[in-house]
Amino acid sequence: MFLKKVLYYINPLNLFKKEEGAELNLRMMHGINKISFLMFLLCLIYLIFRWTS
């Protein structure tokens, strides 16, 4: 289940996809969570790259 959610967040097609039945505040919260998760993954990749080189 966790891996399925991570793959959903990584998919760029789902980043700004409208969620049906969700009000504006909930959609904004989910959008911010997706952006912060992607930033975390990018920073993690950057730190691993710097550590190995």
N, C-alpha and C. Protein backbone atom coordinates (compact mmCIF):
# COMPACT_ATOMS: atom_id res chain seq x y z
N MET A 1 0.82 -1.19 0.00
CA MET A 1 0.00 0.00 0.00
C MET A 1 0.87 1.26 0.00
N PHE A 2 1.93 1.25 0.80
CA PHE A 2 2.82 2.41 0.86
C PHE A 2 3.50 2.65 -0.48
N LEU A 3 3.99 1.59 -1.09
CA LEU A 3 4.65 1.72 -2.39
C LEU A 3 3.68 2.21 -3.46
N LYS A 4 2.45 1.76 -3.39
CA LYS A 4 1.43 2.20 -4.34
C LYS A 4 1.20 3.71 -4.22
N LYS A 5 1.15 4.23 -2.99
CA LYS A 5 0.94 5.66 -2.74
C LYS A 5 2.15 6.47 -3.21
N VAL A 6 3.37 5.95 -2.99
CA VAL A 6 4.58 6.63 -3.44
C VAL A 6 4.60 6.71 -4.96
N LEU A 7 4.28 5.64 -5.63
CA LEU A 7 4.25 5.65 -7.10
C LEU A 7 3.18 6.59 -7.63
N TYR A 8 2.07 6.72 -6.91
CA TYR A 8 1.02 7.65 -7.29
C TYR A 8 1.52 9.09 -7.19
N TYR A 9 2.27 9.40 -6.11
CA TYR A 9 2.80 10.75 -5.93
C TYR A 9 3.89 11.08 -6.94
N ILE A 10 4.68 10.10 -7.32
CA ILE A 10 5.79 10.34 -8.26
C ILE A 10 5.28 10.59 -9.67
N ASN A 11 4.15 10.02 -10.02
CA ASN A 11 3.60 10.17 -11.36
C ASN A 11 3.24 11.65 -11.62
N PRO A 12 3.88 12.30 -12.59
CA PRO A 12 3.61 13.72 -12.83
C PRO A 12 2.19 13.99 -13.35
N LEU A 13 1.54 13.00 -13.92
CA LEU A 13 0.17 13.20 -14.39
C LEU A 13 -0.82 13.39 -13.24
N ASN A 14 -0.49 12.87 -12.07
CA ASN A 14 -1.37 12.97 -10.92
C ASN A 14 -1.08 14.19 -10.05
N LEU A 15 -0.07 14.96 -10.37
CA LEU A 15 0.33 16.06 -9.50
C LEU A 15 -0.75 17.13 -9.40
N PHE A 16 -1.33 17.54 -10.52
CA PHE A 16 -2.34 18.59 -10.49
C PHE A 16 -3.71 18.07 -10.94
N LYS A 17 -3.93 16.79 -10.76
CA LYS A 17 -5.20 16.18 -11.14
C LYS A 17 -6.28 16.55 -10.12
N LYS A 18 -7.46 16.91 -10.61
CA LYS A 18 -8.56 17.26 -9.71
C LYS A 18 -9.10 16.00 -9.05
N GLU A 19 -9.33 16.10 -7.76
CA GLU A 19 -9.92 15.00 -7.02
C GLU A 19 -11.42 15.24 -6.95
N GLU A 20 -12.16 14.27 -7.37
CA GLU A 20 -13.62 14.42 -7.39
C GLU A 20 -14.18 14.31 -5.99
N GLY A 21 -15.14 15.16 -5.68
CA GLY A 21 -15.82 15.12 -4.40
C GLY A 21 -15.07 15.78 -3.26
N ALA A 22 -13.92 16.37 -3.52
CA ALA A 22 -13.15 17.02 -2.47
C ALA A 22 -13.35 18.53 -2.56
N GLU A 23 -13.46 19.16 -1.41
CA GLU A 23 -13.61 20.60 -1.42
C GLU A 23 -12.26 21.27 -1.60
N LEU A 24 -12.26 22.57 -1.76
CA LEU A 24 -11.05 23.32 -2.12
C LEU A 24 -9.93 23.15 -1.09
N ASN A 25 -10.26 23.26 0.19
CA ASN A 25 -9.22 23.16 1.22
C ASN A 25 -8.54 21.80 1.21
N LEU A 26 -9.29 20.77 1.03
CA LEU A 26 -8.72 19.42 0.99
C LEU A 26 -7.85 19.23 -0.24
N ARG A 27 -8.30 19.74 -1.39
CA ARG A 27 -7.49 19.64 -2.61
C ARG A 27 -6.18 20.40 -2.46
N MET A 28 -6.24 21.59 -1.84
CA MET A 28 -5.01 22.38 -1.64
C MET A 28 -4.05 21.65 -0.70
N MET A 29 -4.57 21.06 0.36
CA MET A 29 -3.74 20.33 1.30
C MET A 29 -3.06 19.14 0.62
N HIS A 30 -3.81 18.40 -0.19
CA HIS A 30 -3.23 17.26 -0.90
C HIS A 30 -2.19 17.72 -1.91
N GLY A 31 -2.44 18.84 -2.58
CA GLY A 31 -1.46 19.38 -3.53
C GLY A 31 -0.17 19.78 -2.85
N ILE A 32 -0.27 20.44 -1.70
CA ILE A 32 0.93 20.84 -0.96
C ILE A 32 1.68 19.61 -0.47
N ASN A 33 0.95 18.58 -0.02
CA ASN A 33 1.61 17.35 0.42
C ASN A 33 2.35 16.69 -0.73
N LYS A 34 1.76 16.67 -1.91
CA LYS A 34 2.43 16.07 -3.07
C LYS A 34 3.70 16.83 -3.43
N ILE A 35 3.62 18.16 -3.42
CA ILE A 35 4.79 18.98 -3.77
C ILE A 35 5.90 18.78 -2.74
N SER A 36 5.55 18.77 -1.46
CA SER A 36 6.57 18.59 -0.42
C SER A 36 7.19 17.20 -0.49
N PHE A 37 6.40 16.19 -0.82
CA PHE A 37 6.94 14.84 -0.96
C PHE A 37 7.92 14.76 -2.13
N LEU A 38 7.59 15.39 -3.24
CA LEU A 38 8.50 15.39 -4.39
C LEU A 38 9.78 16.16 -4.09
N MET A 39 9.66 17.26 -3.37
CA MET A 39 10.86 18.02 -2.98
C MET A 39 11.75 17.19 -2.05
N PHE A 40 11.14 16.45 -1.14
CA PHE A 40 11.91 15.58 -0.25
C PHE A 40 12.66 14.52 -1.04
N LEU A 41 12.00 13.90 -2.01
CA LEU A 41 12.66 12.88 -2.83
C LEU A 41 13.81 13.47 -3.63
N LEU A 42 13.61 14.66 -4.21
CA LEU A 42 14.68 15.30 -4.97
C LEU A 42 15.87 15.64 -4.08
N CYS A 43 15.62 16.15 -2.88
CA CYS A 43 16.71 16.47 -1.96
C CYS A 43 17.42 15.21 -1.50
N LEU A 44 16.68 14.15 -1.28
CA LEU A 44 17.29 12.89 -0.89
C LEU A 44 18.20 12.35 -1.99
N ILE A 45 17.75 12.43 -3.22
CA ILE A 45 18.57 12.00 -4.36
C ILE A 45 19.81 12.86 -4.47
N TYR A 46 19.65 14.17 -4.27
CA TYR A 46 20.79 15.09 -4.33
C TYR A 46 21.82 14.77 -3.24
N LEU A 47 21.35 14.51 -2.02
CA LEU A 47 22.28 14.19 -0.93
C LEU A 47 22.99 12.86 -1.17
N ILE A 48 22.29 11.87 -1.69
CA ILE A 48 22.92 10.60 -2.00
C ILE A 48 23.96 10.78 -3.10
N PHE A 49 23.63 11.60 -4.10
CA PHE A 49 24.57 11.86 -5.18
C PHE A 49 25.84 12.54 -4.65
N ARG A 50 25.66 13.54 -3.78
CA ARG A 50 26.83 14.24 -3.21
C ARG A 50 27.65 13.32 -2.31
N TRP A 51 26.98 12.42 -1.59
CA TRP A 51 27.67 11.52 -0.67
C TRP A 51 28.51 10.50 -1.43
N THR A 52 28.01 10.07 -2.60
CA THR A 52 28.73 9.03 -3.36
C THR A 52 29.82 9.61 -4.26
N SER A 53 29.75 10.89 -4.57
CA SER A 53 30.79 11.44 -5.46
C SER A 53 31.93 12.07 -4.71
